Amino acid sequence: LALRRHGIDAEAANAIVDLFESPDDPRVEAAVDGFAPALA
C-alpha cells in the first residue's frame, strides 16, 4: 500500500511462508525419535 501511494503498483506475497510447506519426508522421524520435547 505504501508503494502504491507513491505511484508504484505492488502486490503482497510473502513466499517465505511457503518454505515450510514442502512434502513430508518420513526420514525425519528418525531424527526426532525418542526426543520429548524435540527442538530444532
Full PDB file with SEQRES, HELIX, SHEET, SSBOND, CRYST1, ORIGX, SCALE, CONECT and MASTER records, all heavy atoms in Angstrom:
SEQRES   1 A   40  LEU ALA LEU ARG ARG HIS GLY ILE ASP ALA GLU ALA ALA          
SEQRES   2 A   40  ASN ALA ILE VAL ASP LEU PHE GLU SER PRO ASP ASP PRO          
SEQRES   3 A   40  ARG VAL GLU ALA ALA VAL ASP GLY PHE ALA PRO ALA LEU          
SEQRES   4 A   40  ALA                                                          
HELIX    1 AA1 ALA A    2  ARG A    5  1                                   4    
HELIX    2 AA2 ALA A   15  PHE A   20  5                                   6    
HELIX    3 AA3 VAL A   28  VAL A   32  1                                   5    
CRYST1    1.000    1.000    1.000  90.00  90.00  90.00 P 1           1          
ORIGX1      1.000000  0.000000  0.000000        0.00000                         
ORIGX2      0.000000  1.000000  0.000000        0.00000                         
ORIGX3      0.000000  0.000000  1.000000        0.00000                         
SCALE1      1.000000  0.000000  0.000000        0.00000                         
SCALE2      0.000000  1.000000  0.000000        0.00000                         
SCALE3      0.000000  0.000000  1.000000        0.00000                         
ATOM      1  N   LEU A   1       0.832  -1.207   0.000  1.00  0.00           N  
ATOM      2  CA  LEU A   1       0.000   0.000   0.000  1.00  0.00           C  
ATOM      3  C   LEU A   1       0.861   1.249   0.000  1.00  0.00           C  
ATOM      4  O   LEU A   1       0.565   2.226  -0.724  1.00  0.00           O  
ATOM      5  CB  LEU A   1      -0.921  -0.011   1.226  1.00  0.00           C  
ATOM      6  CG  LEU A   1      -1.840   1.197   1.402  1.00  0.00           C  
ATOM      7  CD1 LEU A   1      -2.773   1.339   0.199  1.00  0.00           C  
ATOM      8  CD2 LEU A   1      -2.650   1.065   2.695  1.00  0.00           C  
ATOM      9  N   ALA A   2       1.938   1.249   0.783  1.00  0.00           N  
ATOM     10  CA  ALA A   2       2.829   2.406   0.827  1.00  0.00           C  
ATOM     11  C   ALA A   2       3.435   2.678  -0.544  1.00  0.00           C  
ATOM     12  O   ALA A   2       3.549   3.838  -0.977  1.00  0.00           O  
ATOM     13  CB  ALA A   2       3.925   2.180   1.860  1.00  0.00           C  
ATOM     14  N   LEU A   3       3.801   1.630  -1.266  1.00  0.00           N  
ATOM     15  CA  LEU A   3       4.356   1.805  -2.607  1.00  0.00           C  
ATOM     16  C   LEU A   3       3.296   2.311  -3.575  1.00  0.00           C  
ATOM     17  O   LEU A   3       3.567   3.191  -4.404  1.00  0.00           O  
ATOM     18  CB  LEU A   3       4.948   0.485  -3.104  1.00  0.00           C  
ATOM     19  CG  LEU A   3       6.240   0.030  -2.422  1.00  0.00           C  
ATOM     20  CD1 LEU A   3       6.602  -1.388  -2.848  1.00  0.00           C  
ATOM     21  CD2 LEU A   3       7.394   0.990  -2.743  1.00  0.00           C  
ATOM     22  N   ARG A   4       2.092   1.765  -3.463  1.00  0.00           N  
ATOM     23  CA  ARG A   4       1.017   2.212  -4.369  1.00  0.00           C  
ATOM     24  C   ARG A   4       0.692   3.676  -4.137  1.00  0.00           C  
ATOM     25  O   ARG A   4       0.362   4.409  -5.089  1.00  0.00           O  
ATOM     26  CB  ARG A   4      -0.221   1.338  -4.183  1.00  0.00           C  
ATOM     27  CG  ARG A   4      -0.057  -0.085  -4.727  1.00  0.00           C  
ATOM     28  CD  ARG A   4      -1.393  -0.779  -4.916  1.00  0.00           C  
ATOM     29  NE  ARG A   4      -2.083  -0.984  -3.652  1.00  0.00           N  
ATOM     30  CZ  ARG A   4      -1.958  -2.065  -2.896  1.00  0.00           C  
ATOM     31  NH1 ARG A   4      -1.134  -3.051  -3.264  1.00  0.00           N  
ATOM     32  NH2 ARG A   4      -2.639  -2.192  -1.767  1.00  0.00           N  
ATOM     33  N   ARG A   5       0.781   4.129  -2.917  1.00  0.00           N  
ATOM     34  CA  ARG A   5       0.535   5.547  -2.628  1.00  0.00           C  
ATOM     35  C   ARG A   5       1.569   6.446  -3.301  1.00  0.00           C  
ATOM     36  O   ARG A   5       1.306   7.626  -3.530  1.00  0.00           O  
ATOM     37  CB  ARG A   5       0.554   5.783  -1.112  1.00  0.00           C  
ATOM     38  CG  ARG A   5      -0.717   5.299  -0.411  1.00  0.00           C  
ATOM     39  CD  ARG A   5      -0.568   5.395   1.094  1.00  0.00           C  
ATOM     40  NE  ARG A   5      -1.810   5.070   1.775  1.00  0.00           N  
ATOM     41  CZ  ARG A   5      -1.909   4.769   3.067  1.00  0.00           C  
ATOM     42  NH1 ARG A   5      -0.797   4.762   3.817  1.00  0.00           N  
ATOM     43  NH2 ARG A   5      -3.075   4.479   3.610  1.00  0.00           N  
ATOM     44  N   HIS A   6       2.724   5.868  -3.609  1.00  0.00           N  
ATOM     45  CA  HIS A   6       3.770   6.615  -4.309  1.00  0.00           C  
ATOM     46  C   HIS A   6       3.774   6.319  -5.806  1.00  0.00           C  
ATOM     47  O   HIS A   6       4.758   6.602  -6.490  1.00  0.00           O  
ATOM     48  CB  HIS A   6       5.131   6.282  -3.701  1.00  0.00           C  
ATOM     49  CG  HIS A   6       5.291   6.787  -2.297  1.00  0.00           C  
ATOM     50  ND1 HIS A   6       6.382   6.449  -1.512  1.00  0.00           N  
ATOM     51  CD2 HIS A   6       4.515   7.596  -1.529  1.00  0.00           C  
ATOM     52  CE1 HIS A   6       6.264   7.040  -0.319  1.00  0.00           C  
ATOM     53  NE2 HIS A   6       5.137   7.735  -0.312  1.00  0.00           N  
ATOM     54  N   GLY A   7       2.677   5.729  -6.273  1.00  0.00           N  
ATOM     55  CA  GLY A   7       2.533   5.502  -7.704  1.00  0.00           C  
ATOM     56  C   GLY A   7       3.215   4.256  -8.240  1.00  0.00           C  
ATOM     57  O   GLY A   7       3.377   4.114  -9.461  1.00  0.00           O  
ATOM     58  N   ILE A   8       3.619   3.342  -7.359  1.00  0.00           N  
ATOM     59  CA  ILE A   8       4.299   2.114  -7.787  1.00  0.00           C  
ATOM     60  C   ILE A   8       3.395   0.938  -7.476  1.00  0.00           C  
ATOM     61  O   ILE A   8       3.143   0.620  -6.309  1.00  0.00           O  
ATOM     62  CB  ILE A   8       5.650   1.953  -7.069  1.00  0.00           C  
ATOM     63  CG1 ILE A   8       6.551   3.147  -7.379  1.00  0.00           C  
ATOM     64  CG2 ILE A   8       6.330   0.651  -7.483  1.00  0.00           C  
ATOM     65  CD1 ILE A   8       7.805   3.184  -6.546  1.00  0.00           C  
ATOM     66  N   ASP A   9       2.891   0.292  -8.516  1.00  0.00           N  
ATOM     67  CA  ASP A   9       1.992  -0.837  -8.331  1.00  0.00           C  
ATOM     68  C   ASP A   9       2.755  -2.011  -7.722  1.00  0.00           C  
ATOM     69  O   ASP A   9       3.798  -2.417  -8.241  1.00  0.00           O  
ATOM     70  CB  ASP A   9       1.382  -1.256  -9.675  1.00  0.00           C  
ATOM     71  CG  ASP A   9       0.273  -2.273  -9.500  1.00  0.00           C  
ATOM     72  OD1 ASP A   9      -0.338  -2.297  -8.420  1.00  0.00           O  
ATOM     73  OD2 ASP A   9       0.034  -3.059 -10.434  1.00  0.00           O  
ATOM     74  N   ALA A  10       2.271  -2.536  -6.620  1.00  0.00           N  
ATOM     75  CA  ALA A  10       2.930  -3.653  -5.943  1.00  0.00           C  
ATOM     76  C   ALA A  10       1.871  -4.546  -5.321  1.00  0.00           C  
ATOM     77  O   ALA A  10       0.773  -4.098  -4.968  1.00  0.00           O  
ATOM     78  CB  ALA A  10       3.888  -3.142  -4.868  1.00  0.00           C  
ATOM     79  N   GLU A  11       2.205  -5.819  -5.206  1.00  0.00           N  
ATOM     80  CA  GLU A  11       1.305  -6.796  -4.615  1.00  0.00           C  
ATOM     81  C   GLU A  11       1.973  -7.435  -3.404  1.00  0.00           C  
ATOM     82  O   GLU A  11       3.198  -7.551  -3.348  1.00  0.00           O  
ATOM     83  CB  GLU A  11       0.957  -7.883  -5.641  1.00  0.00           C  
ATOM     84  CG  GLU A  11       0.346  -7.352  -6.925  1.00  0.00           C  
ATOM     85  CD  GLU A  11       0.166  -8.439  -7.964  1.00  0.00           C  
ATOM     86  OE1 GLU A  11      -0.307  -9.542  -7.588  1.00  0.00           O  
ATOM     87  OE2 GLU A  11       0.507  -8.204  -9.129  1.00  0.00           O  
ATOM     88  N   ALA A  12       1.159  -7.865  -2.449  1.00  0.00           N  
ATOM     89  CA  ALA A  12       1.681  -8.532  -1.255  1.00  0.00           C  
ATOM     90  C   ALA A  12       1.725 -10.038  -1.494  1.00  0.00           C  
ATOM     91  O   ALA A  12       0.727 -10.640  -1.887  1.00  0.00           O  
ATOM     92  CB  ALA A  12       0.800  -8.217  -0.050  1.00  0.00           C  
ATOM     93  N   ALA A  13       2.888 -10.629  -1.286  1.00  0.00           N  
ATOM     94  CA  ALA A  13       3.041 -12.086  -1.410  1.00  0.00           C  
ATOM     95  C   ALA A  13       4.322 -12.481  -0.688  1.00  0.00           C  
ATOM     96  O   ALA A  13       5.415 -12.252  -1.194  1.00  0.00           O  
ATOM     97  CB  ALA A  13       3.093 -12.508  -2.875  1.00  0.00           C  
ATOM     98  N   ASN A  14       4.187 -13.056   0.482  1.00  0.00           N  
ATOM     99  CA  ASN A  14       5.345 -13.440   1.282  1.00  0.00           C  
ATOM    100  C   ASN A  14       5.649 -14.918   1.049  1.00  0.00           C  
ATOM    101  O   ASN A  14       5.104 -15.799   1.717  1.00  0.00           O  
ATOM    102  CB  ASN A  14       5.086 -13.172   2.761  1.00  0.00           C  
ATOM    103  CG  ASN A  14       6.342 -13.349   3.598  1.00  0.00           C  
ATOM    104  OD1 ASN A  14       7.397 -13.716   3.087  1.00  0.00           O  
ATOM    105  ND2 ASN A  14       6.236 -13.081   4.886  1.00  0.00           N  
ATOM    106  N   ALA A  15       6.535 -15.197   0.102  1.00  0.00           N  
ATOM    107  CA  ALA A  15       6.841 -16.583  -0.243  1.00  0.00           C  
ATOM    108  C   ALA A  15       7.590 -17.317   0.859  1.00  0.00           C  
ATOM    109  O   ALA A  15       7.664 -18.551   0.846  1.00  0.00           O  
ATOM    110  CB  ALA A  15       7.650 -16.617  -1.535  1.00  0.00           C  
ATOM    111  N   ILE A  16       8.163 -16.594   1.823  1.00  0.00           N  
ATOM    112  CA  ILE A  16       8.848 -17.256   2.935  1.00  0.00           C  
ATOM    113  C   ILE A  16       7.890 -18.185   3.671  1.00  0.00           C  
ATOM    114  O   ILE A  16       8.277 -19.259   4.145  1.00  0.00           O  
ATOM    115  CB  ILE A  16       9.434 -16.210   3.903  1.00  0.00           C  
ATOM    116  CG1 ILE A  16      10.516 -15.388   3.215  1.00  0.00           C  
ATOM    117  CG2 ILE A  16       9.998 -16.887   5.156  1.00  0.00           C  
ATOM    118  CD1 ILE A  16      11.030 -14.229   4.049  1.00  0.00           C  
ATOM    119  N   VAL A  17       6.624 -17.790   3.753  1.00  0.00           N  
ATOM    120  CA  VAL A  17       5.623 -18.598   4.451  1.00  0.00           C  
ATOM    121  C   VAL A  17       5.508 -19.982   3.822  1.00  0.00           C  
ATOM    122  O   VAL A  17       5.227 -20.970   4.502  1.00  0.00           O  
ATOM    123  CB  VAL A  17       4.255 -17.885   4.434  1.00  0.00           C  
ATOM    124  CG1 VAL A  17       3.209 -18.708   5.159  1.00  0.00           C  
ATOM    125  CG2 VAL A  17       4.377 -16.503   5.065  1.00  0.00           C  
ATOM    126  N   ASP A  18       5.754 -20.067   2.533  1.00  0.00           N  
ATOM    127  CA  ASP A  18       5.586 -21.333   1.820  1.00  0.00           C  
ATOM    128  C   ASP A  18       6.781 -22.266   1.958  1.00  0.00           C  
ATOM    129  O   ASP A  18       6.707 -23.423   1.532  1.00  0.00           O  
ATOM    130  CB  ASP A  18       5.337 -21.064   0.329  1.00  0.00           C  
ATOM    131  CG  ASP A  18       4.106 -20.214   0.104  1.00  0.00           C  
ATOM    132  OD1 ASP A  18       3.064 -20.522   0.703  1.00  0.00           O  
ATOM    133  OD2 ASP A  18       4.182 -19.229  -0.654  1.00  0.00           O  
ATOM    134  N   LEU A  19       7.880 -21.790   2.522  1.00  0.00           N  
ATOM    135  CA  LEU A  19       9.078 -22.609   2.557  1.00  0.00           C  
ATOM    136  C   LEU A  19       8.910 -23.854   3.415  1.00  0.00           C  
ATOM    137  O   LEU A  19       9.549 -24.874   3.167  1.00  0.00           O  
ATOM    138  CB  LEU A  19      10.271 -21.791   3.062  1.00  0.00           C  
ATOM    139  CG  LEU A  19      10.723 -20.630   2.172  1.00  0.00           C  
ATOM    140  CD1 LEU A  19      11.932 -19.942   2.780  1.00  0.00           C  
ATOM    141  CD2 LEU A  19      11.032 -21.105   0.762  1.00  0.00           C  
ATOM    142  N   PHE A  20       8.059 -23.801   4.444  1.00  0.00           N  
ATOM    143  CA  PHE A  20       7.902 -24.964   5.306  1.00  0.00           C  
ATOM    144  C   PHE A  20       6.823 -25.908   4.792  1.00  0.00           C  
ATOM    145  O   PHE A  20       6.645 -27.005   5.321  1.00  0.00           O  
ATOM    146  CB  PHE A  20       7.576 -24.535   6.746  1.00  0.00           C  
ATOM    147  CG  PHE A  20       6.180 -24.025   6.949  1.00  0.00           C  
ATOM    148  CD1 PHE A  20       5.174 -24.871   7.346  1.00  0.00           C  
ATOM    149  CD2 PHE A  20       5.876 -22.687   6.750  1.00  0.00           C  
ATOM    150  CE1 PHE A  20       3.883 -24.395   7.545  1.00  0.00           C  
ATOM    151  CE2 PHE A  20       4.602 -22.204   6.950  1.00  0.00           C  
ATOM    152  CZ  PHE A  20       3.591 -23.063   7.350  1.00  0.00           C  
ATOM    153  N   GLU A  21       6.112 -25.513   3.746  1.00  0.00           N  
ATOM    154  CA  GLU A  21       5.042 -26.360   3.223  1.00  0.00           C  
ATOM    155  C   GLU A  21       5.550 -27.284   2.121  1.00  0.00           C  
ATOM    156  O   GLU A  21       4.994 -27.370   1.039  1.00  0.00           O  
ATOM    157  CB  GLU A  21       3.895 -25.485   2.710  1.00  0.00           C  
ATOM    158  CG  GLU A  21       3.186 -24.728   3.815  1.00  0.00           C  
ATOM    159  CD  GLU A  21       1.903 -24.071   3.356  1.00  0.00           C  
ATOM    160  OE1 GLU A  21       1.757 -23.877   2.127  1.00  0.00           O  
ATOM    161  OE2 GLU A  21       1.062 -23.770   4.203  1.00  0.00           O  
ATOM    162  N   SER A  22       6.635 -27.975   2.399  1.00  0.00           N  
ATOM    163  CA  SER A  22       7.193 -28.936   1.459  1.00  0.00           C  
ATOM    164  C   SER A  22       6.593 -30.314   1.737  1.00  0.00           C  
ATOM    165  O   SER A  22       6.042 -30.555   2.813  1.00  0.00           O  
ATOM    166  CB  SER A  22       8.716 -28.978   1.592  1.00  0.00           C  
ATOM    167  OG  SER A  22       9.077 -29.240   2.932  1.00  0.00           O  
ATOM    168  N   PRO A  23       6.682 -31.242   0.791  1.00  0.00           N  
ATOM    169  CA  PRO A  23       6.161 -32.599   1.030  1.00  0.00           C  
ATOM    170  C   PRO A  23       6.817 -33.227   2.252  1.00  0.00           C  
ATOM    171  O   PRO A  23       7.981 -32.964   2.562  1.00  0.00           O  
ATOM    172  CB  PRO A  23       6.536 -33.348  -0.258  1.00  0.00           C  
ATOM    173  CG  PRO A  23       6.689 -32.287  -1.292  1.00  0.00           C  
ATOM    174  CD  PRO A  23       7.224 -31.078  -0.574  1.00  0.00           C  
ATOM    175  N   ASP A  24       6.068 -34.050   2.951  1.00  0.00           N  
ATOM    176  CA  ASP A  24       6.610 -34.684   4.143  1.00  0.00           C  
ATOM    177  C   ASP A  24       7.747 -35.631   3.763  1.00  0.00           C  
ATOM    178  O   ASP A  24       7.763 -36.209   2.677  1.00  0.00           O  
ATOM    179  CB  ASP A  24       5.516 -35.449   4.887  1.00  0.00           C  
ATOM    180  CG  ASP A  24       5.937 -35.829   6.286  1.00  0.00           C  
ATOM    181  OD1 ASP A  24       6.694 -35.057   6.903  1.00  0.00           O  
ATOM    182  OD2 ASP A  24       5.534 -36.901   6.762  1.00  0.00           O  
ATOM    183  N   ASP A  25       8.706 -35.749   4.653  1.00  0.00           N  
ATOM    184  CA  ASP A  25       9.848 -36.631   4.445  1.00  0.00           C  
ATOM    185  C   ASP A  25       9.900 -37.604   5.620  1.00  0.00           C  
ATOM    186  O   ASP A  25      10.242 -37.211   6.738  1.00  0.00           O  
ATOM    187  CB  ASP A  25      11.142 -35.807   4.373  1.00  0.00           C  
ATOM    188  CG  ASP A  25      12.345 -36.633   3.971  1.00  0.00           C  
ATOM    189  OD1 ASP A  25      12.301 -37.872   4.156  1.00  0.00           O  
ATOM    190  OD2 ASP A  25      13.329 -36.050   3.489  1.00  0.00           O  
ATOM    191  N   PRO A  26       9.553 -38.867   5.404  1.00  0.00           N  
ATOM    192  CA  PRO A  26       9.487 -39.810   6.534  1.00  0.00           C  
ATOM    193  C   PRO A  26      10.829 -40.030   7.211  1.00  0.00           C  
ATOM    194  O   PRO A  26      10.868 -40.498   8.360  1.00  0.00           O  
ATOM    195  CB  PRO A  26       8.975 -41.106   5.874  1.00  0.00           C  
ATOM    196  CG  PRO A  26       9.269 -40.965   4.413  1.00  0.00           C  
ATOM    197  CD  PRO A  26       9.156 -39.492   4.126  1.00  0.00           C  
ATOM    198  N   ARG A  27      11.937 -39.666   6.564  1.00  0.00           N  
ATOM    199  CA  ARG A  27      13.251 -39.846   7.173  1.00  0.00           C  
ATOM    200  C   ARG A  27      13.419 -38.989   8.419  1.00  0.00           C  
ATOM    201  O   ARG A  27      14.253 -39.296   9.291  1.00  0.00           O  
ATOM    202  CB  ARG A  27      14.352 -39.522   6.167  1.00  0.00           C  
ATOM    203  CG  ARG A  27      14.388 -40.426   4.952  1.00  0.00           C  
ATOM    204  CD  ARG A  27      15.443 -39.961   3.964  1.00  0.00           C  
ATOM    205  NE  ARG A  27      15.182 -38.597   3.491  1.00  0.00           N  
ATOM    206  CZ  ARG A  27      16.001 -37.922   2.682  1.00  0.00           C  
ATOM    207  NH1 ARG A  27      17.129 -38.475   2.271  1.00  0.00           N  
ATOM    208  NH2 ARG A  27      15.695 -36.692   2.297  1.00  0.00           N  
ATOM    209  N   VAL A  28      12.631 -37.905   8.512  1.00  0.00           N  
ATOM    210  CA  VAL A  28      12.787 -37.017   9.662  1.00  0.00           C  
ATOM    211  C   VAL A  28      12.318 -37.676  10.950  1.00  0.00           C  
ATOM    212  O   VAL A  28      12.692 -37.255  12.054  1.00  0.00           O  
ATOM    213  CB  VAL A  28      12.040 -35.680   9.407  1.00  0.00           C  
ATOM    214  CG1 VAL A  28      10.552 -35.829   9.649  1.00  0.00           C  
ATOM    215  CG2 VAL A  28      12.612 -34.564  10.273  1.00  0.00           C  
ATOM    216  N   GLU A  29      11.499 -38.734  10.838  1.00  0.00           N  
ATOM    217  CA  GLU A  29      11.047 -39.434  12.041  1.00  0.00           C  
ATOM    218  C   GLU A  29      12.232 -39.991  12.824  1.00  0.00           C  
ATOM    219  O   GLU A  29      12.250 -39.979  14.049  1.00  0.00           O  
ATOM    220  CB  GLU A  29      10.082 -40.568  11.668  1.00  0.00           C  
ATOM    221  CG  GLU A  29       8.711 -40.088  11.220  1.00  0.00           C  
ATOM    222  CD  GLU A  29       7.909 -39.473  12.356  1.00  0.00           C  
ATOM    223  OE1 GLU A  29       8.285 -39.646  13.529  1.00  0.00           O  
ATOM    224  OE2 GLU A  29       6.904 -38.799  12.065  1.00  0.00           O  
ATOM    225  N   ALA A  30      13.235 -40.473  12.091  1.00  0.00           N  
ATOM    226  CA  ALA A  30      14.425 -40.998  12.764  1.00  0.00           C  
ATOM    227  C   ALA A  30      15.205 -39.890  13.449  1.00  0.00           C  
ATOM    228  O   ALA A  30      15.902 -40.119  14.448  1.00  0.00           O  
ATOM    229  CB  ALA A  30      15.316 -41.723  11.757  1.00  0.00           C  
ATOM    230  N   ALA A  31      15.087 -38.661  12.943  1.00  0.00           N  
ATOM    231  CA  ALA A  31      15.814 -37.529  13.533  1.00  0.00           C  
ATOM    232  C   ALA A  31      15.232 -37.121  14.878  1.00  0.00           C  
ATOM    233  O   ALA A  31      15.964 -36.661  15.760  1.00  0.00           O  
ATOM    234  CB  ALA A  31      15.804 -36.346  12.574  1.00  0.00           C  
ATOM    235  N   VAL A  32      13.926 -37.269  15.050  1.00  0.00           N  
ATOM    236  CA  VAL A  32      13.282 -36.832  16.299  1.00  0.00           C  
ATOM    237  C   VAL A  32      12.899 -37.994  17.206  1.00  0.00           C  
ATOM    238  O   VAL A  32      12.396 -37.768  18.309  1.00  0.00           O  
ATOM    239  CB  VAL A  32      12.023 -35.981  15.986  1.00  0.00           C  
ATOM    240  CG1 VAL A  32      12.389 -34.735  15.205  1.00  0.00           C  
ATOM    241  CG2 VAL A  32      10.976 -36.798  15.234  1.00  0.00           C  
ATOM    242  N   ASP A  33      13.147 -39.208  16.770  1.00  0.00           N  
ATOM    243  CA  ASP A  33      12.716 -40.387  17.519  1.00  0.00           C  
ATOM    244  C   ASP A  33      13.252 -40.372  18.953  1.00  0.00           C  
ATOM    245  O   ASP A  33      14.464 -40.237  19.187  1.00  0.00           O  
ATOM    246  CB  ASP A  33      13.193 -41.658  16.804  1.00  0.00           C  
ATOM    247  CG  ASP A  33      12.701 -42.911  17.497  1.00  0.00           C  
ATOM    248  OD1 ASP A  33      11.511 -42.978  17.840  1.00  0.00           O  
ATOM    249  OD2 ASP A  33      13.522 -43.818  17.713  1.00  0.00           O  
ATOM    250  N   GLY A  34      12.338 -40.488  19.902  1.00  0.00           N  
ATOM    251  CA  GLY A  34      12.710 -40.557  21.312  1.00  0.00           C  
ATOM    252  C   GLY A  34      12.911 -39.228  21.997  1.00  0.00           C  
ATOM    253  O   GLY A  34      13.123 -39.184  23.209  1.00  0.00           O  
ATOM    254  N   PHE A  35      12.849 -38.135  21.256  1.00  0.00           N  
ATOM    255  CA  PHE A  35      13.029 -36.812  21.855  1.00  0.00           C  
ATOM    256  C   PHE A  35      11.685 -36.261  22.328  1.00  0.00           C  
ATOM    257  O   PHE A  35      10.730 -36.166  21.564  1.00  0.00           O  
ATOM    258  CB  PHE A  35      13.624 -35.833  20.846  1.00  0.00           C  
ATOM    259  CG  PHE A  35      15.054 -36.138  20.443  1.00  0.00           C  
ATOM    260  CD1 PHE A  35      15.598 -35.558  19.311  1.00  0.00           C  
ATOM    261  CD2 PHE A  35      15.833 -36.989  21.191  1.00  0.00           C  
ATOM    262  CE1 PHE A  35      16.905 -35.819  18.934  1.00  0.00           C  
ATOM    263  CE2 PHE A  35      17.154 -37.263  20.829  1.00  0.00           C  
ATOM    264  CZ  PHE A  35      17.684 -36.679  19.694  1.00  0.00           C  
ATOM    265  N   ALA A  36      11.622 -35.858  23.600  1.00  0.00           N  
ATOM    266  CA  ALA A  36      10.393 -35.289  24.151  1.00  0.00           C  
ATOM    267  C   ALA A  36      10.776 -34.305  25.265  1.00  0.00           C  
ATOM    268  O   ALA A  36      11.094 -34.735  26.376  1.00  0.00           O  
ATOM    269  CB  ALA A  36       9.473 -36.391  24.690  1.00  0.00           C  
ATOM    270  N   PRO A  37      10.785 -33.009  24.960  1.00  0.00           N  
ATOM    271  CA  PRO A  37      10.402 -32.407  23.680  1.00  0.00           C  
ATOM    272  C   PRO A  37      11.535 -32.448  22.649  1.00  0.00           C  
ATOM    273  O   PRO A  37      12.701 -32.635  23.002  1.00  0.00           O  
ATOM    274  CB  PRO A  37      10.097 -30.964  24.073  1.00  0.00           C  
ATOM    275  CG  PRO A  37      11.044 -30.709  25.207  1.00  0.00           C  
ATOM    276  CD  PRO A  37      11.118 -32.004  25.979  1.00  0.00           C  
ATOM    277  N   ALA A  38      11.156 -32.235  21.399  1.00  0.00           N  
ATOM    278  CA  ALA A  38      12.135 -32.121  20.322  1.00  0.00           C  
ATOM    279  C   ALA A  38      12.270 -30.659  19.922  1.00  0.00           C  
ATOM    280  O   ALA A  38      11.270 -29.944  19.768  1.00  0.00           O  
ATOM    281  CB  ALA A  38      11.691 -32.948  19.109  1.00  0.00           C  
ATOM    282  N   LEU A  39      13.518 -30.211  19.781  1.00  0.00           N  
ATOM    283  CA  LEU A  39      13.814 -28.844  19.370  1.00  0.00           C  
ATOM    284  C   LEU A  39      14.473 -28.870  17.990  1.00  0.00           C  
ATOM    285  O   LEU A  39      15.004 -29.895  17.560  1.00  0.00           O  
ATOM    286  CB  LEU A  39      14.759 -28.162  20.359  1.00  0.00           C  
ATOM    287  CG  LEU A  39      14.466 -28.286  21.857  1.00  0.00           C  
ATOM    288  CD1 LEU A  39      15.495 -27.475  22.646  1.00  0.00           C  
ATOM    289  CD2 LEU A  39      13.061 -27.852  22.188  1.00  0.00           C  
ATOM    290  N   ALA A  40      14.476 -27.726  17.328  1.00  0.00           N  
ATOM    291  CA  ALA A  40      15.227 -27.566  16.085  1.00  0.00           C  
ATOM    292  C   ALA A  40      16.318 -26.532  16.314  1.00  0.00           C  
ATOM    293  O   ALA A  40      16.107 -25.530  17.011  1.00  0.00           O  
ATOM    294  CB  ALA A  40      14.314 -27.120  14.943  1.00  0.00           C  
TER     295      ALA A  40                                                      
MASTER        0    0    0    3    0    0    0    6  294    1    0    4          
END                                                                             
